[in-house]
Amino acid sequence: MQVGERIRIWRKKSGLTLKDVSEKIKISQGSLSDIENNNSYPSFDTIQSFCSHTTINLEWLVSGKGKMFDENKP
């Protein structure tokens, strides 16, 4: 499974729309859709933004290991 697929799974389990997430991490909905569909790979800044502004766990996001949600975030 690629990073984009993990983002989509996390987003749906979080009950968020493309719009919700794109606004949180400050990228366009189209760019997020491209990432989720594995048409592009998120930049380091985008991955960092995901981890800073959402509940997604960095280790799970980049490797698929560990827990999906970072338990240290509200």
PDB file of N, CA and C in Angstrom:
ATOM      1  N   MET A   1       0.839  -1.169   0.000  1.00  0.00           N
ATOM      2  CA  MET A   1       0.000   0.000   0.000  1.00  0.00           C
ATOM      3  C   MET A   1       0.894   1.244   0.000  1.00  0.00           C
ATOM      4  N   GLN A   2       0.532   2.220  -0.798  1.00  0.00           N
ATOM      5  CA  GLN A   2       1.313   3.444  -0.905  1.00  0.00           C
ATOM      6  C   GLN A   2       0.783   4.528   0.031  1.00  0.00           C
ATOM      7  N   VAL A   3       1.563   5.584   0.194  1.00  0.00           N
ATOM      8  CA  VAL A   3       1.216   6.677   1.108  1.00  0.00           C
ATOM      9  C   VAL A   3      -0.165   7.246   0.792  1.00  0.00           C
ATOM     10  N   GLY A   4      -0.449   7.465  -0.472  1.00  0.00           N
ATOM     11  CA  GLY A   4      -1.740   8.032  -0.864  1.00  0.00           C
ATOM     12  C   GLY A   4      -2.915   7.180  -0.409  1.00  0.00           C
ATOM     13  N   GLU A   5      -2.775   5.886  -0.536  1.00  0.00           N
ATOM     14  CA  GLU A   5      -3.840   4.979  -0.096  1.00  0.00           C
ATOM     15  C   GLU A   5      -4.023   5.057   1.416  1.00  0.00           C
ATOM     16  N   ARG A   6      -2.915   5.165   2.157  1.00  0.00           N
ATOM     17  CA  ARG A   6      -3.013   5.284   3.607  1.00  0.00           C
ATOM     18  C   ARG A   6      -3.689   6.600   4.002  1.00  0.00           C
ATOM     19  N   ILE A   7      -3.393   7.665   3.265  1.00  0.00           N
ATOM     20  CA  ILE A   7      -4.041   8.953   3.547  1.00  0.00           C
ATOM     21  C   ILE A   7      -5.540   8.828   3.348  1.00  0.00           C
ATOM     22  N   ARG A   8      -5.958   8.209   2.255  1.00  0.00           N
ATOM     23  CA  ARG A   8      -7.388   8.055   1.991  1.00  0.00           C
ATOM     24  C   ARG A   8      -8.063   7.225   3.096  1.00  0.00           C
ATOM     25  N   ILE A   9      -7.434   6.134   3.489  1.00  0.00           N
ATOM     26  CA  ILE A   9      -7.994   5.291   4.551  1.00  0.00           C
ATOM     27  C   ILE A   9      -8.113   6.085   5.848  1.00  0.00           C
ATOM     28  N   TRP A  10      -7.056   6.811   6.213  1.00  0.00           N
ATOM     29  CA  TRP A  10      -7.076   7.623   7.436  1.00  0.00           C
ATOM     30  C   TRP A  10      -8.180   8.673   7.348  1.00  0.00           C
ATOM     31  N   ARG A  11      -8.276   9.365   6.206  1.00  0.00           N
ATOM     32  CA  ARG A  11      -9.273  10.436   6.034  1.00  0.00           C
ATOM     33  C   ARG A  11     -10.685   9.896   6.205  1.00  0.00           C
ATOM     34  N   LYS A  12     -10.973   8.764   5.584  1.00  0.00           N
ATOM     35  CA  LYS A  12     -12.316   8.188   5.680  1.00  0.00           C
ATOM     36  C   LYS A  12     -12.616   7.710   7.098  1.00  0.00           C
ATOM     37  N   LYS A  13     -11.648   7.082   7.763  1.00  0.00           N
ATOM     38  CA  LYS A  13     -11.861   6.635   9.146  1.00  0.00           C
ATOM     39  C   LYS A  13     -12.024   7.823  10.090  1.00  0.00           C
ATOM     40  N   SER A  14     -11.454   8.957   9.716  1.00  0.00           N
ATOM     41  CA  SER A  14     -11.581  10.168  10.525  1.00  0.00           C
ATOM     42  C   SER A  14     -12.878  10.915  10.233  1.00  0.00           C
ATOM     43  N   GLY A  15     -13.600  10.481   9.205  1.00  0.00           N
ATOM     44  CA  GLY A  15     -14.856  11.132   8.844  1.00  0.00           C
ATOM     45  C   GLY A  15     -14.661  12.495   8.207  1.00  0.00           C
ATOM     46  N   LEU A  16     -13.535  12.684   7.514  1.00  0.00           N
ATOM     47  CA  LEU A  16     -13.210  13.969   6.906  1.00  0.00           C
ATOM     48  C   LEU A  16     -13.363  13.913   5.391  1.00  0.00           C
ATOM     49  N   THR A  17     -13.683  15.058   4.814  1.00  0.00           N
ATOM     50  CA  THR A  17     -13.780  15.171   3.362  1.00  0.00           C
ATOM     51  C   THR A  17     -12.438  15.643   2.802  1.00  0.00           C
ATOM     52  N   LEU A  18     -12.298  15.568   1.492  1.00  0.00           N
ATOM     53  CA  LEU A  18     -11.109  16.115   0.839  1.00  0.00           C
ATOM     54  C   LEU A  18     -10.954  17.592   1.204  1.00  0.00           C
ATOM     55  N   LYS A  19     -12.064  18.309   1.215  1.00  0.00           N
ATOM     56  CA  LYS A  19     -12.043  19.737   1.537  1.00  0.00           C
ATOM     57  C   LYS A  19     -11.529  19.954   2.961  1.00  0.00           C
ATOM     58  N   ASP A  20     -12.053  19.180   3.915  1.00  0.00           N
ATOM     59  CA  ASP A  20     -11.627  19.312   5.313  1.00  0.00           C
ATOM     60  C   ASP A  20     -10.112  19.170   5.439  1.00  0.00           C
ATOM     61  N   VAL A  21      -9.576  18.116   4.853  1.00  0.00           N
ATOM     62  CA  VAL A  21      -8.151  17.824   4.992  1.00  0.00           C
ATOM     63  C   VAL A  21      -7.311  18.824   4.210  1.00  0.00           C
ATOM     64  N   SER A  22      -7.721  19.159   3.011  1.00  0.00           N
ATOM     65  CA  SER A  22      -6.929  20.100   2.211  1.00  0.00           C
ATOM     66  C   SER A  22      -6.840  21.459   2.897  1.00  0.00           C
ATOM     67  N   GLU A  23      -7.899  21.878   3.574  1.00  0.00           N
ATOM     68  CA  GLU A  23      -7.857  23.143   4.308  1.00  0.00           C
ATOM     69  C   GLU A  23      -6.924  23.051   5.511  1.00  0.00           C
ATOM     70  N   LYS A  24      -6.927  21.915   6.200  1.00  0.00           N
ATOM     71  CA  LYS A  24      -6.057  21.737   7.372  1.00  0.00           C
ATOM     72  C   LYS A  24      -4.588  21.764   7.001  1.00  0.00           C
ATOM     73  N   ILE A  25      -4.254  21.116   5.889  1.00  0.00           N
ATOM     74  CA  ILE A  25      -2.830  20.999   5.545  1.00  0.00           C
ATOM     75  C   ILE A  25      -2.398  22.000   4.474  1.00  0.00           C
ATOM     76  N   LYS A  26      -3.321  22.822   4.046  1.00  0.00           N
ATOM     77  CA  LYS A  26      -3.017  23.937   3.137  1.00  0.00           C
ATOM     78  C   LYS A  26      -2.514  23.505   1.762  1.00  0.00           C
ATOM     79  N   ILE A  27      -3.230  22.536   1.171  1.00  0.00           N
ATOM     80  CA  ILE A  27      -2.990  22.191  -0.232  1.00  0.00           C
ATOM     81  C   ILE A  27      -4.349  22.157  -0.916  1.00  0.00           C
ATOM     82  N   SER A  28      -4.362  22.177  -2.226  1.00  0.00           N
ATOM     83  CA  SER A  28      -5.629  22.163  -2.949  1.00  0.00           C
ATOM     84  C   SER A  28      -6.286  20.783  -2.874  1.00  0.00           C
ATOM     85  N   GLN A  29      -7.604  20.772  -3.053  1.00  0.00           N
ATOM     86  CA  GLN A  29      -8.324  19.496  -3.072  1.00  0.00           C
ATOM     87  C   GLN A  29      -7.832  18.629  -4.224  1.00  0.00           C
ATOM     88  N   GLY A  30      -7.520  19.256  -5.345  1.00  0.00           N
ATOM     89  CA  GLY A  30      -7.015  18.508  -6.494  1.00  0.00           C
ATOM     90  C   GLY A  30      -5.685  17.834  -6.195  1.00  0.00           C
ATOM     91  N   SER A  31      -4.795  18.562  -5.505  1.00  0.00           N
ATOM     92  CA  SER A  31      -3.501  17.982  -5.142  1.00  0.00           C
ATOM     93  C   SER A  31      -3.683  16.818  -4.180  1.00  0.00           C
ATOM     94  N   LEU A  32      -4.576  16.982  -3.215  1.00  0.00           N
ATOM     95  CA  LEU A  32      -4.844  15.899  -2.262  1.00  0.00           C
ATOM     96  C   LEU A  32      -5.443  14.698  -2.983  1.00  0.00           C
ATOM     97  N   SER A  33      -6.344  14.942  -3.897  1.00  0.00           N
ATOM     98  CA  SER A  33      -6.934  13.849  -4.669  1.00  0.00           C
ATOM     99  C   SER A  33      -5.863  13.120  -5.478  1.00  0.00           C
ATOM    100  N   ASP A  34      -4.947  13.872  -6.100  1.00  0.00           N
ATOM    101  CA  ASP A  34      -3.852  13.251  -6.851  1.00  0.00           C
ATOM    102  C   ASP A  34      -2.994  12.378  -5.944  1.00  0.00           C
ATOM    103  N   ILE A  35      -2.722  12.854  -4.728  1.00  0.00           N
ATOM    104  CA  ILE A  35      -1.933  12.077  -3.780  1.00  0.00           C
ATOM    105  C   ILE A  35      -2.684  10.803  -3.405  1.00  0.00           C
ATOM    106  N   GLU A  36      -3.963  10.941  -3.064  1.00  0.00           N
ATOM    107  CA  GLU A  36      -4.750   9.773  -2.655  1.00  0.00           C
ATOM    108  C   GLU A  36      -4.872   8.740  -3.769  1.00  0.00           C
ATOM    109  N   ASN A  37      -4.871   9.186  -5.010  1.00  0.00           N
ATOM    110  CA  ASN A  37      -4.994   8.284  -6.154  1.00  0.00           C
ATOM    111  C   ASN A  37      -3.638   7.834  -6.687  1.00  0.00           C
ATOM    112  N   ASN A  38      -2.570   8.162  -5.934  1.00  0.00           N
ATOM    113  CA  ASN A  38      -1.201   7.789  -6.286  1.00  0.00           C
ATOM    114  C   ASN A  38      -0.764   8.329  -7.643  1.00  0.00           C
ATOM    115  N   ASN A  39      -1.326   9.495  -8.014  1.00  0.00           N
ATOM    116  CA  ASN A  39      -0.881  10.170  -9.235  1.00  0.00           C
ATOM    117  C   ASN A  39       0.281  11.112  -8.938  1.00  0.00           C
ATOM    118  N   SER A  40       0.485  11.410  -7.662  1.00  0.00           N
ATOM    119  CA  SER A  40       1.651  12.185  -7.240  1.00  0.00           C
ATOM    120  C   SER A  40       2.013  11.758  -5.824  1.00  0.00           C
ATOM    121  N   TYR A  41       3.246  12.030  -5.450  1.00  0.00           N
ATOM    122  CA  TYR A  41       3.728  11.665  -4.120  1.00  0.00           C
ATOM    123  C   TYR A  41       3.807  12.937  -3.294  1.00  0.00           C
ATOM    124  N   PRO A  42       3.361  12.900  -2.036  1.00  0.00           N
ATOM    125  CA  PRO A  42       3.404  14.121  -1.231  1.00  0.00           C
ATOM    126  C   PRO A  42       4.846  14.555  -0.955  1.00  0.00           C
ATOM    127  N   SER A  43       5.054  15.852  -0.978  1.00  0.00           N
ATOM    128  CA  SER A  43       6.372  16.395  -0.665  1.00  0.00           C
ATOM    129  C   SER A  43       6.654  16.222   0.824  1.00  0.00           C
ATOM    130  N   PHE A  44       7.909  16.439   1.199  1.00  0.00           N
ATOM    131  CA  PHE A  44       8.273  16.384   2.611  1.00  0.00           C
ATOM    132  C   PHE A  44       7.439  17.381   3.401  1.00  0.00           C
ATOM    133  N   ASP A  45       7.248  18.600   2.855  1.00  0.00           N
ATOM    134  CA  ASP A  45       6.450  19.621   3.546  1.00  0.00           C
ATOM    135  C   ASP A  45       5.005  19.184   3.735  1.00  0.00           C
ATOM    136  N   THR A  46       4.447  18.497   2.740  1.00  0.00           N
ATOM    137  CA  THR A  46       3.068  18.017   2.851  1.00  0.00           C
ATOM    138  C   THR A  46       2.963  16.919   3.903  1.00  0.00           C
ATOM    139  N   ILE A  47       3.899  16.011   3.922  1.00  0.00           N
ATOM    140  CA  ILE A  47       3.903  14.957   4.945  1.00  0.00           C
ATOM    141  C   ILE A  47       4.040  15.587   6.327  1.00  0.00           C
ATOM    142  N   GLN A  48       4.925  16.561   6.450  1.00  0.00           N
ATOM    143  CA  GLN A  48       5.109  17.254   7.726  1.00  0.00           C
ATOM    144  C   GLN A  48       3.827  17.970   8.141  1.00  0.00           C
ATOM    145  N   SER A  49       3.137  18.580   7.196  1.00  0.00           N
ATOM    146  CA  SER A  49       1.884  19.266   7.485  1.00  0.00           C
ATOM    147  C   SER A  49       0.813  18.278   7.947  1.00  0.00           C
ATOM    148  N   PHE A  50       0.746  17.119   7.290  1.00  0.00           N
ATOM    149  CA  PHE A  50      -0.199  16.084   7.733  1.00  0.00           C
ATOM    150  C   PHE A  50       0.042  15.749   9.198  1.00  0.00           C
ATOM    151  N   CYS A  51       1.280  15.541   9.550  1.00  0.00           N
ATOM    152  CA  CYS A  51       1.606  15.102  10.908  1.00  0.00           C
ATOM    153  C   CYS A  51       1.443  16.225  11.930  1.00  0.00           C
ATOM    154  N   SER A  52       1.613  17.466  11.505  1.00  0.00           N
ATOM    155  CA  SER A  52       1.467  18.597  12.416  1.00  0.00           C
ATOM    156  C   SER A  52       0.020  19.003  12.644  1.00  0.00           C
ATOM    157  N   HIS A  53      -0.813  18.840  11.626  1.00  0.00           N
ATOM    158  CA  HIS A  53      -2.169  19.380  11.685  1.00  0.00           C
ATOM    159  C   HIS A  53      -3.279  18.338  11.739  1.00  0.00           C
ATOM    160  N   THR A  54      -2.910  17.075  11.812  1.00  0.00           N
ATOM    161  CA  THR A  54      -3.926  16.021  11.872  1.00  0.00           C
ATOM    162  C   THR A  54      -3.529  14.989  12.927  1.00  0.00           C
ATOM    163  N   THR A  55      -4.344  13.963  13.064  1.00  0.00           N
ATOM    164  CA  THR A  55      -4.087  12.895  14.031  1.00  0.00           C
ATOM    165  C   THR A  55      -3.324  11.720  13.430  1.00  0.00           C
ATOM    166  N   ILE A  56      -2.885  11.859  12.179  1.00  0.00           N
ATOM    167  CA  ILE A  56      -2.208  10.742  11.518  1.00  0.00           C
ATOM    168  C   ILE A  56      -0.818  10.517  12.131  1.00  0.00           C
ATOM    169  N   ASN A  57      -0.446   9.266  12.273  1.00  0.00           N
ATOM    170  CA  ASN A  57       0.841   8.873  12.840  1.00  0.00           C
ATOM    171  C   ASN A  57       1.885   8.815  11.720  1.00  0.00           C
ATOM    172  N   LEU A  58       2.997   9.524  11.877  1.00  0.00           N
ATOM    173  CA  LEU A  58       4.041   9.598  10.854  1.00  0.00           C
ATOM    174  C   LEU A  58       4.544   8.215  10.444  1.00  0.00           C
ATOM    175  N   GLU A  59       4.853   7.369  11.399  1.00  0.00           N
ATOM    176  CA  GLU A  59       5.385   6.041  11.071  1.00  0.00           C
ATOM    177  C   GLU A  59       4.396   5.262  10.207  1.00  0.00           C
ATOM    178  N   TRP A  60       3.129   5.290  10.576  1.00  0.00           N
ATOM    179  CA  TRP A  60       2.115   4.581   9.801  1.00  0.00           C
ATOM    180  C   TRP A  60       1.974   5.196   8.412  1.00  0.00           C
ATOM    181  N   LEU A  61       2.003   6.525   8.356  1.00  0.00           N
ATOM    182  CA  LEU A  61       1.843   7.207   7.074  1.00  0.00           C
ATOM    183  C   LEU A  61       2.928   6.810   6.079  1.00  0.00           C
ATOM    184  N   VAL A  62       4.169   6.821   6.504  1.00  0.00           N
ATOM    185  CA  VAL A  62       5.250   6.574   5.540  1.00  0.00           C
ATOM    186  C   VAL A  62       5.602   5.098   5.359  1.00  0.00           C
ATOM    187  N   SER A  63       5.322   4.256   6.375  1.00  0.00           N
ATOM    188  CA  SER A  63       5.739   2.855   6.257  1.00  0.00           C
ATOM    189  C   SER A  63       4.608   1.837   6.374  1.00  0.00           C
ATOM    190  N   GLY A  64       3.474   2.272   6.900  1.00  0.00           N
ATOM    191  CA  GLY A  64       2.373   1.334   7.126  1.00  0.00           C
ATOM    192  C   GLY A  64       2.523   0.563   8.425  1.00  0.00           C
ATOM    193  N   LYS A  65       3.555   0.878   9.210  1.00  0.00           N
ATOM    194  CA  LYS A  65       3.787   0.183  10.481  1.00  0.00           C
ATOM    195  C   LYS A  65       3.295   1.051  11.635  1.00  0.00           C
ATOM    196  N   GLY A  66       2.934   0.400  12.711  1.00  0.00           N
ATOM    197  CA  GLY A  66       2.447   1.134  13.870  1.00  0.00           C
ATOM    198  C   GLY A  66       0.962   1.422  13.763  1.00  0.00           C
ATOM    199  N   LYS A  67       0.522   2.342  14.591  1.00  0.00           N
ATOM    200  CA  LYS A  67      -0.901   2.682  14.632  1.00  0.00           C
ATOM    201  C   LYS A  67      -1.210   3.829  13.679  1.00  0.00           C
ATOM    202  N   MET A  68      -2.434   3.807  13.143  1.00  0.00           N
ATOM    203  CA  MET A  68      -2.868   4.835  12.209  1.00  0.00           C
ATOM    204  C   MET A  68      -2.946   6.208  12.874  1.00  0.00           C
ATOM    205  N   PHE A  69      -3.469   6.232  14.087  1.00  0.00           N
ATOM    206  CA  PHE A  69      -3.686   7.497  14.779  1.00  0.00           C
ATOM    207  C   PHE A  69      -2.594   7.730  15.813  1.00  0.00           C
ATOM    208  N   ASP A  70      -2.101   8.963  15.869  1.00  0.00           N
ATOM    209  CA  ASP A  70      -1.109   9.338  16.877  1.00  0.00           C
ATOM    210  C   ASP A  70      -1.858   9.555  18.187  1.00  0.00           C
ATOM    211  N   GLU A  71      -1.616   8.708  19.144  1.00  0.00           N
ATOM    212  CA  GLU A  71      -2.346   8.741  20.422  1.00  0.00           C
ATOM    213  C   GLU A  71      -1.970   9.950  21.272  1.00  0.00           C
ATOM    214  N   ASN A  72      -0.938  10.681  20.911  1.00  0.00           N
ATOM    215  CA  ASN A  72      -0.515  11.849  21.678  1.00  0.00           C
ATOM    216  C   ASN A  72      -1.194  13.125  21.218  1.00  0.00           C
ATOM    217  N   LYS A  73      -2.073  13.007  20.218  1.00  0.00           N
ATOM    218  CA  LYS A  73      -2.779  14.170  19.708  1.00  0.00           C
ATOM    219  C   LYS A  73      -4.251  14.063  20.041  1.00  0.00           C
ATOM    220  N   PRO A  74      -4.881  15.205  20.341  1.00  0.00           N
ATOM    221  CA  PRO A  74      -6.331  15.189  20.662  1.00  0.00           C
ATOM    222  C   PRO A  74      -7.192  14.926  19.451  1.00  0.00           C
TER     223      PRO A  74
END
